[in-house]
Amino acid sequence: MHFNVNSKNLERLLAKVIPAVPVRTPMPVLENFFFEIKDGLLTVYATDLEISLTSSINVDASENIKMVVPAKLLFDIIKALKETQLKIEAEKNSKLKITAENGVYFIGYSSPEDFPAIPTVTKSRELTINGLELKKALEQTSFAMSKEDMRPAMTGTLLELSSEGLRFVTTDGHRLVKYIDKSRIIEEDEQYIVPERAISVLSKILNEEDLKISLSKTHALFNFEDLVFITRLIGEKYPSYSSVIPLENENILKVKTEELHSAIRRMILFSSSNSKQVKFSLKENSLEVSAEDVDHGSSAKESIYCEYKGETMDIGFNTIYVNDILSHIGEEEIIFKLHSPTKACIIEPIVQGENEDLMLLLMPVRLNN
């Protein structure tokens, strides 16, 4: 069996699929691409058992075949070649012969019997969304996913279908982000939790084209024009996040996002490596941010122009969490809604995007006396 293909076309195909190849795995078979040629269509599939990617191109092939090929080695070889026409032959000694304009390369291949099958997604719900809109929703929320395996549901992103819109929710117990796409109204409430690895890969492959999402109880399928991405879902119940969102935060701080963000980046340099603490000192139309590292004898204090209406208050936050939140708000001005130094704070852009609603919640930390 042999087939002919342009090297750059093959490189683009492999580049789409290789993100699903695990870097480390106790199952060596997963370090391969699954190749199938059927009626002149080359389909390449890869999986780490949590996510899988599949893509296809047309090739000039002499017959049909299935095989598994070392993924990283093949990709590195093809990527290193200049653009040329390749002839790829499966020889009887389980060697794949790659003939280019100026060279011949051999790599081993094996039978595909032990390679996991492509998951079957029983579609219970389908929706279509623009790739850039989905990318924005994931980027606005994914940073707050938990890294703690003790609560598996919180290690993913909640996709919640509702009459309010399509909600994306993440939390690690210290902060919470809720982003709502109000243009997608679904009358029956449903919840699906997409794991962190899937969110990371998906964010990198999304582009301006529309894609179709198919959801079942166990899997989600993202169907692009030339790529199919499937992920397992986290089979846990998501925490009742609405119960931690305060309803009566009457102290209101309005501030320029970049001015506060710039100050917080400097406060990180002065906050203790243990507490990572920054203090907000608030009084009428006055915000002072300060940090101190007692162990190294360093401290910093800055005054920031703001509008503040409410009780005089000193409240502490984790500088890293504040920095993360401010990094993911693209609007010029933000509003902090506060109740007291021990209660959760709500942060929102003053101007919301069209058909969007972004809310971030941050728990305070106890101030050092």
Protein backbone atom coordinates (compact mmCIF):
# COMPACT_ATOMS: atom_id res chain seq x y z
CA MET A 1 0.00 0.00 0.00
CA HIS A 2 1.18 3.50 -0.74
CA PHE A 3 -0.26 7.01 -0.90
CA ASN A 4 0.95 10.36 -2.18
CA VAL A 5 0.50 13.62 -0.31
CA ASN A 6 1.91 17.15 -0.16
CA SER A 7 4.16 17.48 2.90
CA LYS A 8 2.61 20.76 4.09
CA ASN A 9 -0.92 19.40 3.74
CA LEU A 10 0.07 16.40 5.86
CA GLU A 11 1.82 18.65 8.39
CA ARG A 12 -1.32 20.77 8.81
CA LEU A 13 -3.40 17.62 9.28
CA LEU A 14 -1.09 16.19 11.95
CA ALA A 15 -0.82 19.56 13.73
CA LYS A 16 -4.59 19.58 14.23
CA VAL A 17 -4.61 16.16 15.86
CA ILE A 18 -1.36 16.02 17.88
CA PRO A 19 -2.70 18.06 20.87
CA ALA A 20 -4.61 14.90 21.89
CA VAL A 21 -1.43 12.80 22.05
CA PRO A 22 -0.38 12.49 25.72
CA VAL A 23 3.12 13.61 26.71
CA ARG A 24 3.34 10.91 29.40
CA THR A 25 1.13 7.85 29.63
CA PRO A 26 1.27 4.35 31.13
CA MET A 27 -0.28 3.16 27.81
CA PRO A 28 2.41 3.44 25.09
CA VAL A 29 -0.16 2.78 22.34
CA LEU A 30 -1.64 6.25 23.00
CA GLU A 31 1.63 7.86 21.86
CA ASN A 32 0.65 6.99 18.27
CA PHE A 33 -1.55 8.37 15.54
CA PHE A 34 -4.26 6.06 14.26
CA PHE A 35 -4.14 6.20 10.44
CA GLU A 36 -7.00 5.01 8.27
CA ILE A 37 -7.18 5.31 4.50
CA LYS A 38 -10.57 4.50 3.01
CA ASP A 39 -11.51 5.28 -0.58
CA GLY A 40 -8.82 7.94 -0.90
CA LEU A 41 -9.64 9.68 2.40
CA LEU A 42 -6.86 9.74 5.02
CA THR A 43 -8.27 10.07 8.54
CA VAL A 44 -5.92 10.64 11.48
CA TYR A 45 -7.12 10.12 15.05
CA ALA A 46 -5.41 10.62 18.42
CA THR A 47 -6.59 10.28 22.00
CA ASP A 48 -5.41 10.31 25.61
CA LEU A 49 -8.69 8.65 26.71
CA GLU A 50 -9.98 11.98 28.06
CA ILE A 51 -9.97 13.96 24.81
CA SER A 52 -9.71 12.89 21.18
CA LEU A 53 -9.14 14.71 17.90
CA THR A 54 -9.95 13.50 14.39
CA SER A 55 -9.29 15.13 11.02
CA SER A 56 -9.14 14.03 7.37
CA ILE A 57 -7.75 14.98 3.96
CA ASN A 58 -7.99 13.44 0.50
CA VAL A 59 -4.90 11.60 -0.74
CA ASP A 60 -3.89 9.60 -3.80
CA ALA A 61 -3.94 6.07 -2.33
CA SER A 62 -3.51 2.64 -3.90
CA GLU A 63 -5.70 0.79 -1.38
CA ASN A 64 -7.37 0.99 2.03
CA ILE A 65 -5.38 0.41 5.24
CA LYS A 66 -5.37 0.96 9.02
CA MET A 67 -2.22 1.33 11.15
CA VAL A 68 -0.79 3.14 14.15
CA VAL A 69 2.30 5.32 13.71
CA PRO A 70 4.55 7.02 16.34
CA ALA A 71 2.97 10.46 16.59
CA LYS A 72 5.79 12.75 17.71
CA LEU A 73 8.42 11.15 15.48
CA LEU A 74 6.23 11.32 12.37
CA PHE A 75 5.13 14.89 13.08
CA ASP A 76 8.71 16.05 13.70
CA ILE A 77 9.89 14.43 10.45
CA ILE A 78 7.13 15.95 8.34
CA LYS A 79 7.52 19.35 9.99
CA ALA A 80 11.26 19.36 9.30
CA LEU A 81 10.79 18.83 5.56
CA LYS A 82 10.48 21.68 3.09
CA GLU A 83 7.35 21.63 0.95
CA THR A 84 7.56 18.61 -1.30
CA GLN A 85 5.51 15.72 -2.65
CA LEU A 86 5.75 12.62 -0.46
CA LYS A 87 5.25 8.98 -1.30
CA ILE A 88 4.45 6.98 1.83
CA GLU A 89 4.55 3.19 1.61
CA ALA A 90 3.59 0.56 4.20
CA GLU A 91 6.15 -2.23 3.75
CA LYS A 92 5.72 -5.83 4.87
CA ASN A 93 8.37 -5.57 7.60
CA SER A 94 6.16 -3.09 9.53
CA LYS A 95 8.21 -0.16 8.28
CA LEU A 96 6.68 3.00 6.87
CA LYS A 97 8.85 4.30 4.03
CA ILE A 98 8.62 8.04 3.43
CA THR A 99 10.17 9.12 0.15
CA ALA A 100 10.76 12.85 -0.37
CA GLU A 101 12.50 14.77 -3.13
CA ASN A 102 15.95 14.44 -1.56
CA GLY A 103 15.65 11.67 0.99
CA VAL A 104 14.12 8.44 2.24
CA TYR A 105 13.00 7.91 5.85
CA PHE A 106 11.81 4.78 7.66
CA ILE A 107 9.75 4.56 10.84
CA GLY A 108 7.99 1.61 12.40
CA TYR A 109 4.24 1.13 12.36
CA SER A 110 2.02 -1.47 13.99
CA SER A 111 -1.42 -3.03 13.88
CA PRO A 112 -4.29 -0.89 15.21
CA GLU A 113 -6.09 -3.62 17.20
CA ASP A 114 -5.11 -2.25 20.63
CA PHE A 115 -5.79 1.39 19.80
CA PRO A 116 -8.91 2.77 21.57
CA ALA A 117 -11.94 3.33 19.38
CA ILE A 118 -13.31 6.82 18.71
CA PRO A 119 -15.94 7.52 21.41
CA THR A 120 -19.57 7.44 20.32
CA VAL A 121 -21.52 10.51 21.45
CA THR A 122 -25.23 9.89 21.88
CA LYS A 123 -26.55 13.37 21.16
CA SER A 124 -29.14 14.58 23.66
CA ARG A 125 -28.58 18.30 23.01
CA GLU A 126 -27.11 20.24 20.08
CA LEU A 127 -26.28 23.91 19.66
CA THR A 128 -24.31 26.01 17.17
CA ILE A 129 -21.95 28.77 18.30
CA ASN A 130 -19.33 30.98 16.71
CA GLY A 131 -15.80 29.90 17.57
CA LEU A 132 -14.61 33.36 18.64
CA GLU A 133 -17.65 33.81 20.89
CA LEU A 134 -16.95 30.48 22.57
CA LYS A 135 -13.24 31.32 22.85
CA LYS A 136 -14.08 34.59 24.61
CA ALA A 137 -16.39 32.84 27.09
CA LEU A 138 -13.74 30.25 27.93
CA GLU A 139 -10.96 32.84 28.29
CA GLN A 140 -13.14 34.98 30.58
CA THR A 141 -13.78 32.05 32.94
CA SER A 142 -11.20 29.25 32.69
CA PHE A 143 -8.59 30.90 34.94
CA ALA A 144 -10.77 30.31 38.02
CA MET A 145 -11.03 26.52 37.65
CA SER A 146 -9.83 24.64 40.72
CA LYS A 147 -6.56 22.69 40.70
CA GLU A 148 -7.66 20.54 43.66
CA ASP A 149 -8.70 16.98 42.73
CA MET A 150 -10.59 16.61 46.03
CA ARG A 151 -13.60 18.30 44.39
CA PRO A 152 -13.56 17.01 40.79
CA ALA A 153 -16.54 19.08 39.60
CA MET A 154 -14.69 22.32 40.33
CA THR A 155 -11.69 21.27 38.19
CA GLY A 156 -13.77 21.90 35.06
CA THR A 157 -15.92 24.58 33.45
CA LEU A 158 -19.68 24.35 33.94
CA LEU A 159 -21.75 24.79 30.76
CA GLU A 160 -25.24 25.55 31.98
CA LEU A 161 -28.11 25.77 29.52
CA SER A 162 -30.90 27.95 30.88
CA SER A 163 -33.74 30.35 30.07
CA GLU A 164 -31.36 33.20 31.04
CA GLY A 165 -28.84 32.14 28.40
CA LEU A 166 -25.81 29.87 28.05
CA ARG A 167 -23.85 30.17 31.30
CA PHE A 168 -20.14 29.43 31.77
CA VAL A 169 -19.17 29.07 35.45
CA THR A 170 -15.87 28.32 37.18
CA THR A 171 -14.80 28.46 40.82
CA ASP A 172 -11.97 27.27 43.05
CA GLY A 173 -13.65 28.23 46.31
CA HIS A 174 -11.75 31.54 46.58
CA ARG A 175 -13.14 33.16 43.45
CA LEU A 176 -15.99 32.52 41.06
CA VAL A 177 -16.67 33.65 37.50
CA LYS A 178 -20.05 33.57 35.76
CA TYR A 179 -20.30 34.57 32.10
CA ILE A 180 -23.68 34.48 30.35
CA ASP A 181 -24.23 34.43 26.60
CA LYS A 182 -27.76 35.87 26.55
CA SER A 183 -28.27 35.17 22.84
CA ARG A 184 -28.74 31.43 23.42
CA ILE A 185 -31.92 30.84 25.39
CA ILE A 186 -32.82 27.25 26.24
CA GLU A 187 -35.96 26.63 28.26
CA GLU A 188 -34.87 23.40 29.95
CA ASP A 189 -32.02 23.80 32.44
CA GLU A 190 -29.14 21.37 31.83
CA GLN A 191 -25.60 21.18 33.21
CA TYR A 192 -22.42 19.76 31.65
CA ILE A 193 -18.92 19.99 33.17
CA VAL A 194 -16.01 20.14 30.70
CA PRO A 195 -12.60 19.19 32.18
CA GLU A 196 -9.67 21.59 32.31
CA ARG A 197 -7.54 19.74 29.73
CA ALA A 198 -10.36 19.89 27.20
CA ILE A 199 -10.86 23.61 27.84
CA SER A 200 -7.14 24.25 27.36
CA VAL A 201 -6.97 22.40 24.01
CA LEU A 202 -10.29 23.77 22.79
CA SER A 203 -9.24 27.39 23.49
CA LYS A 204 -6.22 26.93 21.21
CA ILE A 205 -8.07 25.44 18.23
CA LEU A 206 -11.10 27.74 18.15
CA ASN A 207 -11.25 30.23 15.28
CA GLU A 208 -13.79 32.49 13.58
CA GLU A 209 -15.81 29.66 12.04
CA ASP A 210 -19.06 28.38 13.55
CA LEU A 211 -19.04 24.96 15.17
CA LYS A 212 -21.71 22.54 16.30
CA ILE A 213 -21.66 21.24 19.88
CA SER A 214 -23.31 17.90 20.64
CA LEU A 215 -23.79 17.01 24.31
CA SER A 216 -24.57 13.72 26.01
CA LYS A 217 -24.46 12.65 29.65
CA THR A 218 -20.86 11.46 29.32
CA HIS A 219 -19.26 13.30 26.37
CA ALA A 220 -19.23 16.57 24.45
CA LEU A 221 -18.46 16.69 20.72
CA PHE A 222 -17.25 19.88 19.02
CA ASN A 223 -17.63 19.59 15.25
CA PHE A 224 -15.55 22.00 13.15
CA GLU A 225 -15.50 22.10 9.38
CA ASP A 226 -12.32 19.97 9.21
CA LEU A 227 -11.88 18.67 12.78
CA VAL A 228 -13.84 16.70 15.37
CA PHE A 229 -12.96 17.21 19.04
CA ILE A 230 -14.49 14.91 21.67
CA THR A 231 -14.05 15.12 25.42
CA ARG A 232 -15.28 13.15 28.37
CA LEU A 233 -17.42 15.17 30.76
CA ILE A 234 -16.93 15.23 34.53
CA GLY A 235 -19.67 13.05 35.97
CA GLU A 236 -20.18 15.01 39.18
CA LYS A 237 -22.78 17.49 40.39
CA TYR A 238 -21.56 21.09 40.28
CA PRO A 239 -21.71 22.99 43.60
CA SER A 240 -24.71 25.27 44.14
CA TYR A 241 -22.75 28.38 43.21
CA SER A 242 -25.74 30.75 43.32
CA SER A 243 -25.96 30.35 47.09
CA VAL A 244 -22.57 32.05 47.62
CA ILE A 245 -23.35 35.12 45.48
CA PRO A 246 -24.30 37.95 47.88
CA LEU A 247 -27.45 39.92 47.17
CA GLU A 248 -26.88 43.00 49.34
CA ASN A 249 -23.47 44.50 48.72
CA GLU A 250 -24.32 48.17 49.18
CA ASN A 251 -20.79 49.69 49.26
CA ILE A 252 -19.84 50.65 45.70
CA LEU A 253 -16.34 51.29 44.34
CA LYS A 254 -15.86 52.46 40.74
CA VAL A 255 -12.31 52.52 39.39
CA LYS A 256 -10.36 52.48 36.12
CA THR A 257 -9.39 48.88 35.36
CA GLU A 258 -5.87 49.57 34.10
CA GLU A 259 -4.99 52.01 36.92
CA LEU A 260 -5.91 49.45 39.56
CA HIS A 261 -4.32 46.60 37.60
CA SER A 262 -1.06 48.53 37.28
CA ALA A 263 -0.98 49.17 41.02
CA ILE A 264 -1.75 45.53 41.84
CA ARG A 265 1.13 44.35 39.67
CA ARG A 266 3.42 46.52 41.79
CA MET A 267 1.83 45.33 45.04
CA ILE A 268 2.68 41.74 44.07
CA LEU A 269 6.35 42.70 44.36
CA PHE A 270 5.83 43.81 47.96
CA SER A 271 3.33 41.27 49.27
CA SER A 272 4.49 38.44 51.47
CA SER A 273 5.21 35.19 49.65
CA ASN A 274 3.08 33.39 52.24
CA SER A 275 -0.02 35.59 52.46
CA LYS A 276 0.21 37.34 49.03
CA GLN A 277 -1.94 39.98 50.66
CA VAL A 278 -2.98 43.43 49.45
CA LYS A 279 -5.05 45.81 51.56
CA PHE A 280 -7.75 48.09 50.13
CA SER A 281 -8.39 51.07 52.42
CA LEU A 282 -11.67 52.72 51.41
CA LYS A 283 -13.34 55.94 52.39
CA GLU A 284 -15.43 58.44 50.46
CA ASN A 285 -13.99 58.74 46.92
CA SER A 286 -10.65 57.39 48.15
CA LEU A 287 -8.87 54.09 47.53
CA GLU A 288 -5.46 53.28 48.98
CA VAL A 289 -3.83 49.95 48.14
CA SER A 290 -0.92 48.70 50.23
CA ALA A 291 1.22 45.61 50.73
CA GLU A 292 3.93 44.61 53.17
CA ASP A 293 6.49 41.84 53.36
CA VAL A 294 7.57 41.78 57.01
CA ASP A 295 10.20 39.09 56.45
CA HIS A 296 12.11 41.26 53.97
CA GLY A 297 11.27 44.64 55.48
CA SER A 298 9.62 45.97 52.32
CA SER A 299 6.28 47.74 51.88
CA ALA A 300 4.36 49.83 49.36
CA LYS A 301 1.35 52.12 49.34
CA GLU A 302 -0.48 53.87 46.48
CA SER A 303 -3.51 56.11 46.18
CA ILE A 304 -5.80 55.52 43.19
CA TYR A 305 -8.45 57.84 41.81
CA CYS A 306 -11.89 56.32 42.25
CA GLU A 307 -15.52 56.88 43.14
CA TYR A 308 -16.54 55.22 46.39
CA LYS A 309 -19.83 55.47 48.20
CA GLY A 310 -20.16 53.46 51.36
CA GLU A 311 -18.75 52.72 54.79
CA THR A 312 -15.09 53.31 55.61
CA MET A 313 -13.47 49.91 55.25
CA ASP A 314 -10.15 48.06 55.24
CA ILE A 315 -10.42 44.81 53.29
CA GLY A 316 -7.73 42.33 52.26
CA PHE A 317 -7.43 40.31 49.06
CA ASN A 318 -4.98 37.85 47.57
CA THR A 319 -2.89 39.89 45.09
CA ILE A 320 -2.60 36.98 42.63
CA TYR A 321 -6.37 36.50 42.52
CA VAL A 322 -7.01 40.23 42.04
CA ASN A 323 -4.39 40.31 39.27
CA ASP A 324 -6.02 37.33 37.52
CA ILE A 325 -9.44 38.93 37.65
CA LEU A 326 -8.26 42.29 36.34
CA SER A 327 -6.32 40.53 33.55
CA HIS A 328 -9.58 39.02 32.27
CA ILE A 329 -11.78 42.13 32.27
CA GLY A 330 -11.40 43.93 28.98
CA GLU A 331 -13.57 46.94 29.84
CA GLU A 332 -12.17 50.34 30.81
CA GLU A 333 -13.98 50.70 34.14
CA ILE A 334 -15.08 48.20 36.77
CA ILE A 335 -17.26 48.22 39.83
CA PHE A 336 -16.61 46.50 43.16
CA LYS A 337 -19.70 45.74 45.25
CA LEU A 338 -18.70 45.22 48.87
CA HIS A 339 -20.52 44.39 52.08
CA SER A 340 -17.85 44.00 54.79
CA PRO A 341 -14.22 42.86 55.23
CA THR A 342 -15.35 39.25 55.75
CA LYS A 343 -17.98 38.87 53.02
CA ALA A 344 -17.56 38.03 49.32
CA CYS A 345 -17.02 40.94 46.92
CA ILE A 346 -18.65 41.15 43.49
CA ILE A 347 -16.67 42.64 40.58
CA GLU A 348 -18.29 43.59 37.27
CA PRO A 349 -17.43 45.71 34.23
CA ILE A 350 -19.47 48.93 34.30
CA VAL A 351 -20.31 48.43 30.61
CA GLN A 352 -21.28 44.88 29.67
CA GLY A 353 -20.82 43.54 26.14
CA GLU A 354 -23.82 43.07 23.88
CA ASN A 355 -25.81 39.98 24.91
CA GLU A 356 -23.23 39.34 27.66
CA ASP A 357 -23.24 39.40 31.43
CA LEU A 358 -19.93 38.95 33.28
CA MET A 359 -19.78 38.67 37.06
CA LEU A 360 -16.73 37.82 39.15
CA LEU A 361 -16.77 37.04 42.85
CA LEU A 362 -13.75 37.25 45.14
CA MET A 363 -13.45 36.15 48.75
CA PRO A 364 -11.47 38.50 51.03
CA VAL A 365 -8.57 37.39 53.21
CA ARG A 366 -8.02 38.23 56.88
CA LEU A 367 -5.76 41.24 57.27
CA ASN A 368 -2.60 40.98 59.33
CA ASN A 369 -2.77 43.34 62.30
